[in-house]
Amino acid sequence: MPKVAYTEAERQCIRQELVSVGLELMAEQGLRATTVEQIYSRVGISRSFFYSFFPTKEDLIIEAIYLQQPKVLKYAGELMAVPELSWREKMKSFFHACCDGDQGIAIFSMEEHQLVFKRMTEESRRVFREKQKKFFSDILKCFGIEAESGDISLFANLCLSAIIVRKAIPDKLPLFIPEAADPMAEFQINAIVDYLESLKVRRNGRQ
């Protein structure tokens, strides 16, 4: 017989497992291809029980984004500790992994961004923006850059735009030339790293 009652600690463990499994599936096969049924089946619970944790799939996605952030930071930290690579090589490796969805990083399309955003309340959007800005600030700190608010916001937009556009070509942006997708991503990554180097120099000049 299925269990009819769970302690709060058990429910918390199940919730964490749902988010972890959801993130793993989204990193493997994309957000749209990942279904609620795949998630709750792998965790071993029923559909109705899943919805007692998350009213919609988008609610779980938001939690998965939060779960992914420390994993991305961990990867950035591991790259920074590789002595064989120059600072610039480390930066490029990091951004290539983000654009390509390597290292278990889930990449969302423009449509997926819009779907998640529509599901958010004003309060959840505010909280998301705060966490998002802290996340990109932490990435810069990991790279050895203490940036100001405007630079953090610009860095976030530069990263996200490069990632989203690369994912969108050619399926969602058919007027773009698909053969140039990878060289375009390389150009954008180099431009971001150039910007980060200028930030680093500017910051060091103040010290």
N, C-alpha and C. Protein backbone atom coordinates (compact mmCIF):
# COMPACT_ATOMS: atom_id res chain seq x y z
N MET A 1 0.84 -1.21 0.00
CA MET A 1 0.00 0.00 0.00
C MET A 1 0.87 1.25 0.00
N PRO A 2 0.45 2.29 -0.73
CA PRO A 2 1.23 3.53 -0.72
C PRO A 2 1.17 4.20 0.64
N LYS A 3 2.20 4.88 0.96
CA LYS A 3 2.25 5.59 2.24
C LYS A 3 1.28 6.76 2.21
N VAL A 4 0.50 6.91 3.26
CA VAL A 4 -0.53 7.95 3.27
C VAL A 4 -0.13 9.17 4.07
N ALA A 5 0.92 9.05 4.86
CA ALA A 5 1.34 10.20 5.66
C ALA A 5 2.86 10.30 5.66
N TYR A 6 3.33 11.53 5.54
CA TYR A 6 4.77 11.80 5.53
C TYR A 6 5.08 12.84 6.58
N THR A 7 6.24 12.69 7.21
CA THR A 7 6.69 13.72 8.13
C THR A 7 7.14 14.92 7.32
N GLU A 8 7.29 16.06 7.98
CA GLU A 8 7.76 17.27 7.30
C GLU A 8 9.16 17.07 6.74
N ALA A 9 9.99 16.33 7.49
CA ALA A 9 11.36 16.07 7.02
C ALA A 9 11.33 15.20 5.76
N GLU A 10 10.44 14.22 5.71
CA GLU A 10 10.32 13.36 4.53
C GLU A 10 9.82 14.16 3.33
N ARG A 11 8.86 15.03 3.56
CA ARG A 11 8.34 15.88 2.48
C ARG A 11 9.44 16.79 1.93
N GLN A 12 10.26 17.31 2.82
CA GLN A 12 11.34 18.19 2.38
C GLN A 12 12.34 17.42 1.53
N CYS A 13 12.63 16.17 1.92
CA CYS A 13 13.55 15.35 1.14
C CYS A 13 12.98 15.04 -0.24
N ILE A 14 11.68 14.75 -0.29
CA ILE A 14 11.03 14.46 -1.57
C ILE A 14 11.05 15.70 -2.45
N ARG A 15 10.78 16.85 -1.87
CA ARG A 15 10.79 18.11 -2.63
C ARG A 15 12.18 18.36 -3.24
N GLN A 16 13.21 18.17 -2.43
CA GLN A 16 14.57 18.38 -2.91
C GLN A 16 14.92 17.40 -4.02
N GLU A 17 14.44 16.16 -3.88
CA GLU A 17 14.71 15.15 -4.91
C GLU A 17 13.99 15.50 -6.22
N LEU A 18 12.76 16.01 -6.11
CA LEU A 18 12.02 16.42 -7.31
C LEU A 18 12.77 17.52 -8.07
N VAL A 19 13.27 18.49 -7.33
CA VAL A 19 14.01 19.59 -7.96
C VAL A 19 15.30 19.08 -8.58
N SER A 20 16.00 18.22 -7.85
CA SER A 20 17.27 17.69 -8.35
C SER A 20 17.07 16.85 -9.60
N VAL A 21 16.07 15.98 -9.59
CA VAL A 21 15.77 15.15 -10.75
C VAL A 21 15.31 16.02 -11.92
N GLY A 22 14.47 17.01 -11.63
CA GLY A 22 14.01 17.91 -12.68
C GLY A 22 15.17 18.63 -13.35
N LEU A 23 16.11 19.13 -12.55
CA LEU A 23 17.28 19.82 -13.11
C LEU A 23 18.13 18.88 -13.95
N GLU A 24 18.31 17.66 -13.46
CA GLU A 24 19.10 16.67 -14.19
C GLU A 24 18.48 16.36 -15.55
N LEU A 25 17.16 16.16 -15.57
CA LEU A 25 16.47 15.86 -16.82
C LEU A 25 16.50 17.05 -17.78
N MET A 26 16.32 18.26 -17.24
CA MET A 26 16.34 19.45 -18.09
C MET A 26 17.72 19.67 -18.69
N ALA A 27 18.77 19.37 -17.93
CA ALA A 27 20.13 19.51 -18.45
C ALA A 27 20.40 18.48 -19.54
N GLU A 28 19.80 17.29 -19.42
CA GLU A 28 20.02 16.21 -20.38
C GLU A 28 19.23 16.42 -21.67
N GLN A 29 17.96 16.82 -21.55
CA GLN A 29 17.08 16.79 -22.71
C GLN A 29 16.33 18.09 -22.99
N GLY A 30 16.58 19.12 -22.18
CA GLY A 30 15.91 20.40 -22.39
C GLY A 30 14.63 20.51 -21.58
N LEU A 31 14.21 21.75 -21.41
CA LEU A 31 13.05 22.01 -20.56
C LEU A 31 11.76 21.49 -21.18
N ARG A 32 11.54 21.77 -22.46
CA ARG A 32 10.29 21.38 -23.11
C ARG A 32 10.12 19.87 -23.17
N ALA A 33 11.22 19.16 -23.37
CA ALA A 33 11.14 17.70 -23.47
C ALA A 33 10.98 17.03 -22.10
N THR A 34 11.23 17.76 -21.05
CA THR A 34 11.10 17.22 -19.70
C THR A 34 9.67 17.38 -19.21
N THR A 35 9.03 16.29 -18.89
CA THR A 35 7.63 16.33 -18.46
C THR A 35 7.52 16.12 -16.95
N VAL A 36 6.40 16.56 -16.42
CA VAL A 36 6.11 16.34 -15.01
C VAL A 36 6.09 14.84 -14.71
N GLU A 37 5.53 14.07 -15.63
CA GLU A 37 5.44 12.62 -15.43
C GLU A 37 6.82 11.99 -15.31
N GLN A 38 7.76 12.43 -16.15
CA GLN A 38 9.12 11.90 -16.06
C GLN A 38 9.72 12.18 -14.69
N ILE A 39 9.46 13.36 -14.17
CA ILE A 39 10.06 13.76 -12.89
C ILE A 39 9.48 12.95 -11.74
N TYR A 40 8.13 12.94 -11.61
CA TYR A 40 7.56 12.25 -10.45
C TYR A 40 7.71 10.73 -10.55
N SER A 41 7.76 10.20 -11.79
CA SER A 41 7.96 8.75 -11.95
C SER A 41 9.35 8.34 -11.47
N ARG A 42 10.35 9.15 -11.82
CA ARG A 42 11.72 8.81 -11.41
C ARG A 42 11.87 8.92 -9.89
N VAL A 43 11.16 9.84 -9.27
CA VAL A 43 11.23 9.99 -7.81
C VAL A 43 10.40 8.90 -7.13
N GLY A 44 9.39 8.38 -7.84
CA GLY A 44 8.58 7.30 -7.28
C GLY A 44 7.36 7.77 -6.52
N ILE A 45 6.78 8.89 -6.95
CA ILE A 45 5.56 9.38 -6.32
C ILE A 45 4.48 9.54 -7.38
N SER A 46 3.26 9.82 -6.93
CA SER A 46 2.13 9.96 -7.85
C SER A 46 2.05 11.38 -8.41
N ARG A 47 1.27 11.53 -9.47
CA ARG A 47 1.06 12.83 -10.08
C ARG A 47 0.41 13.81 -9.09
N SER A 48 -0.62 13.34 -8.40
CA SER A 48 -1.31 14.22 -7.45
C SER A 48 -0.39 14.63 -6.31
N PHE A 49 0.48 13.72 -5.88
CA PHE A 49 1.41 14.05 -4.80
C PHE A 49 2.43 15.08 -5.28
N PHE A 50 2.87 14.95 -6.55
CA PHE A 50 3.79 15.95 -7.11
C PHE A 50 3.18 17.34 -7.00
N TYR A 51 1.91 17.47 -7.37
CA TYR A 51 1.27 18.79 -7.37
C TYR A 51 1.01 19.33 -5.98
N SER A 52 1.20 18.52 -4.96
CA SER A 52 1.13 19.05 -3.60
C SER A 52 2.40 19.81 -3.24
N PHE A 53 3.45 19.61 -4.03
CA PHE A 53 4.71 20.33 -3.84
C PHE A 53 4.81 21.53 -4.79
N PHE A 54 4.42 21.31 -6.05
CA PHE A 54 4.56 22.35 -7.06
C PHE A 54 3.26 22.47 -7.85
N PRO A 55 2.57 23.61 -7.75
CA PRO A 55 1.30 23.79 -8.48
C PRO A 55 1.46 23.66 -9.99
N THR A 56 2.63 24.05 -10.53
CA THR A 56 2.89 23.95 -11.97
C THR A 56 4.33 23.49 -12.19
N LYS A 57 4.58 23.06 -13.41
CA LYS A 57 5.94 22.68 -13.81
C LYS A 57 6.87 23.88 -13.70
N GLU A 58 6.36 25.06 -14.03
CA GLU A 58 7.18 26.27 -13.99
C GLU A 58 7.65 26.59 -12.57
N ASP A 59 6.83 26.26 -11.57
CA ASP A 59 7.24 26.49 -10.18
C ASP A 59 8.46 25.63 -9.84
N LEU A 60 8.47 24.41 -10.34
CA LEU A 60 9.62 23.54 -10.11
C LEU A 60 10.84 24.07 -10.86
N ILE A 61 10.62 24.60 -12.07
CA ILE A 61 11.73 25.12 -12.86
C ILE A 61 12.45 26.25 -12.13
N ILE A 62 11.68 27.13 -11.49
CA ILE A 62 12.29 28.23 -10.75
C ILE A 62 13.18 27.70 -9.63
N GLU A 63 12.69 26.67 -8.92
CA GLU A 63 13.50 26.06 -7.87
C GLU A 63 14.74 25.39 -8.47
N ALA A 64 14.60 24.80 -9.65
CA ALA A 64 15.74 24.15 -10.30
C ALA A 64 16.80 25.17 -10.68
N ILE A 65 16.36 26.36 -11.12
CA ILE A 65 17.31 27.43 -11.45
C ILE A 65 18.12 27.81 -10.21
N TYR A 66 17.43 27.92 -9.08
CA TYR A 66 18.14 28.25 -7.84
C TYR A 66 19.12 27.14 -7.45
N LEU A 67 18.71 25.88 -7.68
CA LEU A 67 19.58 24.76 -7.35
C LEU A 67 20.81 24.74 -8.26
N GLN A 68 20.62 25.15 -9.52
CA GLN A 68 21.72 25.11 -10.48
C GLN A 68 22.79 26.15 -10.17
N GLN A 69 22.42 27.27 -9.59
CA GLN A 69 23.37 28.35 -9.40
C GLN A 69 24.62 27.95 -8.61
N PRO A 70 24.50 27.30 -7.45
CA PRO A 70 25.73 26.90 -6.74
C PRO A 70 26.55 25.87 -7.50
N LYS A 71 25.89 25.06 -8.33
CA LYS A 71 26.63 24.09 -9.14
C LYS A 71 27.47 24.79 -10.20
N VAL A 72 26.89 25.83 -10.80
CA VAL A 72 27.64 26.61 -11.79
C VAL A 72 28.82 27.32 -11.13
N LEU A 73 28.58 27.87 -9.95
CA LEU A 73 29.66 28.53 -9.21
C LEU A 73 30.77 27.54 -8.84
N LYS A 74 30.38 26.34 -8.48
CA LYS A 74 31.36 25.30 -8.14
C LYS A 74 32.23 24.98 -9.36
N TYR A 75 31.59 24.89 -10.51
CA TYR A 75 32.34 24.61 -11.74
C TYR A 75 33.30 25.76 -12.05
N ALA A 76 32.84 27.00 -11.88
CA ALA A 76 33.70 28.16 -12.11
C ALA A 76 34.90 28.12 -11.17
N GLY A 77 34.65 27.77 -9.91
CA GLY A 77 35.74 27.68 -8.94
C GLY A 77 36.74 26.60 -9.29
N GLU A 78 36.25 25.48 -9.78
CA GLU A 78 37.15 24.39 -10.19
C GLU A 78 38.02 24.81 -11.37
N LEU A 79 37.42 25.55 -12.30
CA LEU A 79 38.20 26.05 -13.44
C LEU A 79 39.29 27.01 -12.99
N MET A 80 38.95 27.88 -12.06
CA MET A 80 39.92 28.87 -11.58
C MET A 80 41.10 28.23 -10.88
N ALA A 81 40.90 26.99 -10.42
CA ALA A 81 41.97 26.30 -9.69
C ALA A 81 42.88 25.48 -10.61
N VAL A 82 42.60 25.50 -11.92
CA VAL A 82 43.43 24.74 -12.87
C VAL A 82 44.67 25.56 -13.23
N PRO A 83 45.86 25.14 -12.78
CA PRO A 83 47.06 25.97 -12.99
C PRO A 83 47.54 26.00 -14.43
N GLU A 84 47.17 24.97 -15.22
CA GLU A 84 47.67 24.89 -16.59
C GLU A 84 47.02 25.91 -17.53
N LEU A 85 45.87 26.45 -17.13
CA LEU A 85 45.14 27.37 -17.99
C LEU A 85 45.39 28.82 -17.59
N SER A 86 45.47 29.68 -18.59
CA SER A 86 45.57 31.10 -18.30
C SER A 86 44.21 31.61 -17.84
N TRP A 87 44.17 32.81 -17.28
CA TRP A 87 42.89 33.38 -16.82
C TRP A 87 41.92 33.47 -17.99
N ARG A 88 42.38 33.90 -19.15
CA ARG A 88 41.50 34.03 -20.30
C ARG A 88 40.98 32.67 -20.76
N GLU A 89 41.84 31.66 -20.75
CA GLU A 89 41.40 30.31 -21.13
C GLU A 89 40.35 29.77 -20.18
N LYS A 90 40.50 30.08 -18.91
CA LYS A 90 39.50 29.65 -17.93
C LYS A 90 38.15 30.32 -18.19
N MET A 91 38.19 31.60 -18.50
CA MET A 91 36.96 32.33 -18.79
C MET A 91 36.26 31.74 -20.01
N LYS A 92 37.03 31.49 -21.06
CA LYS A 92 36.44 30.98 -22.29
C LYS A 92 35.88 29.57 -22.09
N SER A 93 36.56 28.75 -21.33
CA SER A 93 36.06 27.41 -21.04
C SER A 93 34.73 27.48 -20.30
N PHE A 94 34.64 28.40 -19.36
CA PHE A 94 33.42 28.56 -18.59
C PHE A 94 32.25 28.96 -19.49
N PHE A 95 32.45 29.96 -20.33
CA PHE A 95 31.36 30.46 -21.17
C PHE A 95 30.98 29.47 -22.26
N HIS A 96 31.95 28.71 -22.76
CA HIS A 96 31.63 27.67 -23.74
C HIS A 96 30.74 26.60 -23.09
N ALA A 97 31.06 26.23 -21.86
CA ALA A 97 30.23 25.24 -21.16
C ALA A 97 28.81 25.75 -20.96
N CYS A 98 28.68 27.04 -20.66
CA CYS A 98 27.35 27.63 -20.47
C CYS A 98 26.57 27.66 -21.78
N CYS A 99 27.22 28.04 -22.86
CA CYS A 99 26.54 28.11 -24.17
C CYS A 99 26.18 26.73 -24.70
N ASP A 100 27.03 25.74 -24.44
CA ASP A 100 26.83 24.41 -25.00
C ASP A 100 26.02 23.49 -24.08
N GLY A 101 25.76 23.94 -22.85
CA GLY A 101 25.02 23.09 -21.92
C GLY A 101 25.85 21.95 -21.37
N ASP A 102 27.17 22.12 -21.32
CA ASP A 102 28.05 21.10 -20.75
C ASP A 102 28.04 21.19 -19.22
N GLN A 103 28.72 20.22 -18.59
CA GLN A 103 28.86 20.20 -17.13
C GLN A 103 27.50 20.15 -16.42
N GLY A 104 26.50 19.57 -17.08
CA GLY A 104 25.19 19.45 -16.45
C GLY A 104 24.45 20.76 -16.31
N ILE A 105 24.81 21.77 -17.11
CA ILE A 105 24.15 23.08 -17.04
C ILE A 105 22.92 23.06 -17.94
N ALA A 106 21.75 23.34 -17.37
CA ALA A 106 20.51 23.38 -18.14
C ALA A 106 20.39 24.74 -18.82
N ILE A 107 20.14 24.73 -20.13
CA ILE A 107 20.03 25.95 -20.93
C ILE A 107 18.58 26.14 -21.34
N PHE A 108 18.02 27.33 -21.10
CA PHE A 108 16.63 27.60 -21.44
C PHE A 108 16.53 28.48 -22.68
N SER A 109 15.51 28.22 -23.48
CA SER A 109 15.27 29.00 -24.68
C SER A 109 14.52 30.28 -24.34
N MET A 110 14.34 31.14 -25.36
CA MET A 110 13.57 32.38 -25.17
C MET A 110 12.15 32.08 -24.74
N GLU A 111 11.53 31.09 -25.40
CA GLU A 111 10.15 30.73 -25.06
C GLU A 111 10.05 30.21 -23.63
N GLU A 112 11.03 29.44 -23.23
CA GLU A 112 11.03 28.89 -21.88
C GLU A 112 11.22 29.97 -20.83
N HIS A 113 12.07 30.94 -21.14
CA HIS A 113 12.22 32.10 -20.25
C HIS A 113 10.87 32.81 -20.07
N GLN A 114 10.17 33.00 -21.18
CA GLN A 114 8.89 33.70 -21.15
C GLN A 114 7.84 32.93 -20.36
N LEU A 115 7.80 31.60 -20.54
CA LEU A 115 6.83 30.78 -19.82
C LEU A 115 7.04 30.87 -18.31
N VAL A 116 8.30 30.76 -17.90
CA VAL A 116 8.61 30.83 -16.48
C VAL A 116 8.26 32.21 -15.92
N PHE A 117 8.63 33.26 -16.66
CA PHE A 117 8.39 34.62 -16.18
C PHE A 117 6.89 34.89 -16.02
N LYS A 118 6.08 34.38 -16.93
CA LYS A 118 4.63 34.60 -16.85
C LYS A 118 4.02 33.96 -15.62
N ARG A 119 4.63 32.87 -15.15
CA ARG A 119 4.10 32.17 -13.99
C ARG A 119 4.46 32.85 -12.66
N MET A 120 5.41 33.76 -12.71
CA MET A 120 5.88 34.39 -11.48
C MET A 120 4.92 35.48 -11.00
N THR A 121 4.80 35.59 -9.69
CA THR A 121 4.10 36.73 -9.10
C THR A 121 5.07 37.90 -9.05
N GLU A 122 4.56 39.07 -8.73
CA GLU A 122 5.43 40.25 -8.60
C GLU A 122 6.49 40.02 -7.52
N GLU A 123 6.09 39.38 -6.43
CA GLU A 123 7.04 39.12 -5.34
C GLU A 123 8.10 38.11 -5.76
N SER A 124 7.68 37.03 -6.44
CA SER A 124 8.65 36.03 -6.87
C SER A 124 9.60 36.59 -7.92
N ARG A 125 9.11 37.52 -8.74
CA ARG A 125 9.98 38.18 -9.72
C ARG A 125 11.03 39.04 -9.00
N ARG A 126 10.59 39.74 -7.97
CA ARG A 126 11.52 40.58 -7.21
C ARG A 126 12.60 39.73 -6.57
N VAL A 127 12.19 38.62 -5.94
CA VAL A 127 13.15 37.73 -5.29
C VAL A 127 14.10 37.13 -6.33
N PHE A 128 13.54 36.75 -7.49
CA PHE A 128 14.36 36.16 -8.55
C PHE A 128 15.42 37.16 -9.02
N ARG A 129 15.03 38.41 -9.23
CA ARG A 129 15.99 39.43 -9.68
C ARG A 129 17.12 39.60 -8.67
N GLU A 130 16.77 39.61 -7.39
CA GLU A 130 17.79 39.77 -6.35
C GLU A 130 18.76 38.59 -6.36
N LYS A 131 18.22 37.37 -6.44
CA LYS A 131 19.07 36.18 -6.45
C LYS A 131 19.90 36.12 -7.73
N GLN A 132 19.29 36.54 -8.84
CA GLN A 132 20.00 36.53 -10.11
C GLN A 132 21.20 37.47 -10.07
N LYS A 133 21.00 38.65 -9.53
CA LYS A 133 22.08 39.63 -9.47
C LYS A 133 23.19 39.15 -8.53
N LYS A 134 22.81 38.55 -7.42
CA LYS A 134 23.82 38.02 -6.49
C LYS A 134 24.60 36.88 -7.16
N PHE A 135 23.91 36.05 -7.92
CA PHE A 135 24.56 34.94 -8.61
C PHE A 135 25.64 35.44 -9.56
N PHE A 136 25.30 36.43 -10.39
CA PHE A 136 26.29 36.94 -11.35
C PHE A 136 27.39 37.72 -10.64
N SER A 137 27.07 38.35 -9.52
CA SER A 137 28.10 39.01 -8.72
C SER A 137 29.08 37.97 -8.16
N ASP A 138 28.54 36.83 -7.71
CA ASP A 138 29.38 35.77 -7.17
C ASP A 138 30.28 35.16 -8.25
N ILE A 139 29.76 35.06 -9.47
CA ILE A 139 30.59 34.56 -10.57
C ILE A 139 31.77 35.49 -10.80
N LEU A 140 31.49 36.80 -10.84
CA LEU A 140 32.57 37.76 -11.04
C LEU A 140 33.59 37.69 -9.91
N LYS A 141 33.13 37.53 -8.68
CA LYS A 141 34.06 37.40 -7.55
C LYS A 141 34.92 36.16 -7.71
N CYS A 142 34.31 35.08 -8.19
CA CYS A 142 35.06 33.86 -8.44
C CYS A 142 36.16 34.10 -9.48
N PHE A 143 35.87 34.98 -10.43
CA PHE A 143 36.85 35.33 -11.46
C PHE A 143 37.86 36.37 -10.98
N GLY A 144 37.73 36.79 -9.73
CA GLY A 144 38.65 37.78 -9.18
C GLY A 144 38.26 39.21 -9.48
N ILE A 145 36.97 39.45 -9.72
CA ILE A 145 36.49 40.79 -10.08
C ILE A 145 35.43 41.25 -9.10
N GLU A 146 35.69 42.35 -8.42
CA GLU A 146 34.69 42.99 -7.57
C GLU A 146 34.04 44.10 -8.39
N ALA A 147 32.82 43.87 -8.84
CA ALA A 147 32.18 44.81 -9.76
C ALA A 147 31.08 45.62 -9.08
N GLU A 148 30.76 46.74 -9.70
CA GLU A 148 29.66 47.57 -9.21
C GLU A 148 28.35 47.09 -9.83
N SER A 149 27.24 47.62 -9.31
CA SER A 149 25.92 47.14 -9.69
C SER A 149 25.67 47.18 -11.20
N GLY A 150 26.02 48.29 -11.85
CA GLY A 150 25.78 48.42 -13.28
C GLY A 150 26.57 47.42 -14.09
N ASP A 151 27.81 47.17 -13.68
CA ASP A 151 28.64 46.20 -14.39
C ASP A 151 28.10 44.78 -14.22
N ILE A 152 27.59 44.48 -13.03
CA ILE A 152 27.01 43.15 -12.78
C ILE A 152 25.81 42.92 -13.68
N SER A 153 24.94 43.92 -13.78
CA SER A 153 23.75 43.80 -14.63
C SER A 153 24.12 43.63 -16.09
N LEU A 154 25.10 44.41 -16.55
CA LEU A 154 25.54 44.30 -17.94
C LEU A 154 26.15 42.93 -18.20
N PHE A 155 26.97 42.45 -17.28
CA PHE A 155 27.58 41.14 -17.41
C PHE A 155 26.50 40.05 -17.50
N ALA A 156 25.48 40.14 -16.68
CA ALA A 156 24.38 39.17 -16.70
C ALA A 156 23.70 39.15 -18.05
N ASN A 157 23.39 40.33 -18.58
CA ASN A 157 22.70 40.41 -19.87
C ASN A 157 23.57 39.91 -21.02
N LEU A 158 24.86 40.23 -20.97
CA LEU A 158 25.77 39.75 -22.01
C LEU A 158 25.84 38.22 -22.03
N CYS A 159 25.94 37.64 -20.84
CA CYS A 159 26.01 36.18 -20.74
C CYS A 159 24.72 35.53 -21.23
N LEU A 160 23.60 36.00 -20.72
CA LEU A 160 22.31 35.39 -21.06
C LEU A 160 21.99 35.54 -22.54
N SER A 161 22.30 36.71 -23.12
CA SER A 161 22.01 36.91 -24.54
C SER A 161 22.83 35.97 -25.41
N ALA A 162 24.10 35.78 -25.07
CA ALA A 162 24.95 34.85 -25.84
C ALA A 162 24.42 33.43 -25.75
N ILE A 163 24.03 33.03 -24.55
CA ILE A 163 23.54 31.66 -24.34
C ILE A 163 22.22 31.44 -25.07
N ILE A 164 21.29 32.38 -24.93
CA ILE A 164 19.95 32.22 -25.52
C ILE A 164 20.01 32.22 -27.04
N VAL A 165 20.80 33.14 -27.62
CA VAL A 165 20.88 33.22 -29.07
C VAL A 165 21.53 31.95 -29.64
N ARG A 166 22.57 31.45 -28.98
CA ARG A 166 23.21 30.22 -29.48
C ARG A 166 22.24 29.05 -29.44
N LYS A 167 21.43 28.97 -28.42
CA LYS A 167 20.45 27.88 -28.32
C LYS A 167 19.36 28.03 -29.38
N ALA A 168 19.03 29.28 -29.73
CA ALA A 168 17.91 29.53 -30.63
C ALA A 168 18.24 29.28 -32.10
N ILE A 169 19.54 29.31 -32.45
CA ILE A 169 19.93 29.09 -33.86
C ILE A 169 20.12 27.59 -34.09
N PRO A 170 19.50 27.00 -35.13
CA PRO A 170 18.69 27.66 -36.16
C PRO A 170 17.18 27.52 -35.96
N ASP A 171 16.75 26.71 -34.98
CA ASP A 171 15.34 26.35 -34.88
C ASP A 171 14.42 27.54 -34.61
N LYS A 172 14.83 28.41 -33.69
CA LYS A 172 13.95 29.50 -33.28
C LYS A 172 14.31 30.84 -33.93
N LEU A 173 15.48 30.89 -34.54
CA LEU A 173 15.90 32.10 -35.25
C LEU A 173 16.31 31.69 -36.66
N PRO A 174 15.34 31.30 -37.50
CA PRO A 174 15.65 30.74 -38.81
C PRO A 174 16.28 31.74 -39.78
N LEU A 175 16.14 33.04 -39.53
CA LEU A 175 16.75 34.02 -40.43
C LEU A 175 18.24 34.18 -40.17
N PHE A 176 18.72 33.66 -39.04
CA PHE A 176 20.16 33.65 -38.79
C PHE A 176 20.79 32.54 -39.64
N ILE A 177 22.05 32.71 -39.99
CA ILE A 177 22.76 31.72 -40.80
C ILE A 177 23.36 30.66 -39.87
N PRO A 178 22.85 29.43 -39.92
CA PRO A 178 23.27 28.41 -38.95
C PRO A 178 24.75 28.08 -39.00
N GLU A 179 25.36 28.16 -40.22
CA GLU A 179 26.79 27.85 -40.32
C GLU A 179 27.66 28.82 -39.52
N ALA A 180 27.12 30.00 -39.24
CA ALA A 180 27.89 31.01 -38.50
C ALA A 180 27.57 31.00 -37.01
N ALA A 181 26.74 30.05 -36.55
CA ALA A 181 26.31 30.03 -35.14
C ALA A 181 27.49 29.86 -34.19
N ASP A 182 28.35 28.89 -34.47
CA ASP A 182 29.49 28.65 -33.58
C ASP A 182 30.51 29.79 -33.63
N PRO A 183 30.90 30.28 -34.84
CA PRO A 183 31.80 31.44 -34.87
C PRO A 183 31.20 32.67 -34.19
N MET A 184 29.88 32.82 -34.28
CA MET A 184 29.22 33.95 -33.62
C MET A 184 29.33 33.81 -32.11
N ALA A 185 29.10 32.59 -31.60
CA ALA A 185 29.22 32.35 -30.16
C ALA A 185 30.66 32.60 -29.70
N GLU A 186 31.62 32.17 -30.51
CA GLU A 186 33.04 32.40 -30.18
C GLU A 186 33.35 33.90 -30.12
N PHE A 187 32.81 34.64 -31.07
CA PHE A 187 33.00 36.10 -31.09
C PHE A 187 32.41 36.73 -29.83
N GLN A 188 31.20 36.32 -29.48
CA GLN A 188 30.54 36.88 -28.30
C GLN A 188 31.29 36.53 -27.02
N ILE A 189 31.77 35.30 -26.94
CA ILE A 189 32.53 34.89 -25.75
C ILE A 189 33.81 35.71 -25.63
N ASN A 190 34.50 35.89 -26.74
CA ASN A 190 35.72 36.71 -26.71
C ASN A 190 35.41 38.15 -26.29
N ALA A 191 34.28 38.67 -26.76
CA ALA A 191 33.89 40.04 -26.40
C ALA A 191 33.59 40.14 -24.90
N ILE A 192 32.92 39.12 -24.36
CA ILE A 192 32.62 39.12 -22.92
C ILE A 192 33.91 39.05 -22.11
N VAL A 193 34.83 38.19 -22.56
CA VAL A 193 36.10 38.07 -21.82
C VAL A 193 36.90 39.37 -21.92
N ASP A 194 36.88 40.01 -23.08
CA ASP A 194 37.53 41.32 -23.22
C ASP A 194 36.95 42.31 -22.22
N TYR A 195 35.64 42.31 -22.10
CA TYR A 195 34.95 43.20 -21.16
C TYR A 195 35.37 42.89 -19.72
N LEU A 196 35.45 41.60 -19.39
CA LEU A 196 35.85 41.22 -18.04
C LEU A 196 37.30 41.62 -17.75
N GLU A 197 38.16 41.50 -18.76
CA GLU A 197 39.56 41.93 -18.57
C GLU A 197 39.63 43.43 -18.30
N SER A 198 38.80 44.20 -19.00
CA SER A 198 38.79 45.66 -18.76
C SER A 198 38.27 45.97 -17.36
N LEU A 199 37.28 45.19 -16.90
CA LEU A 199 36.78 45.36 -15.54
C LEU A 199 37.87 45.05 -14.52
N LYS A 200 38.60 43.98 -14.79
CA LYS A 200 39.66 43.55 -13.87
C LYS A 200 40.75 44.63 -13.77
N VAL A 201 41.14 45.17 -14.92
CA VAL A 201 42.16 46.23 -14.95
C VAL A 201 41.65 47.47 -14.23
N ARG A 202 40.39 47.82 -14.49
CA ARG A 202 39.81 49.00 -13.86
C ARG A 202 39.76 48.84 -12.35
N ARG A 203 39.37 47.63 -11.89
CA ARG A 203 39.30 47.36 -10.47
C ARG A 203 40.68 47.39 -9.83
N ASN A 204 41.65 46.76 -10.49
CA ASN A 204 43.00 46.73 -9.94
C ASN A 204 43.61 48.11 -9.89
N GLY A 205 43.20 48.97 -10.80
CA GLY A 205 43.72 50.33 -10.81
C GLY A 205 43.27 51.14 -9.62
N ARG A 206 42.15 50.72 -9.00
CA ARG A 206 41.65 51.44 -7.82
C ARG A 206 42.32 50.98 -6.54
N GLN A 207 42.91 49.77 -6.59
CA GLN A 207 43.46 49.21 -5.36
C GLN A 207 44.83 49.77 -5.03
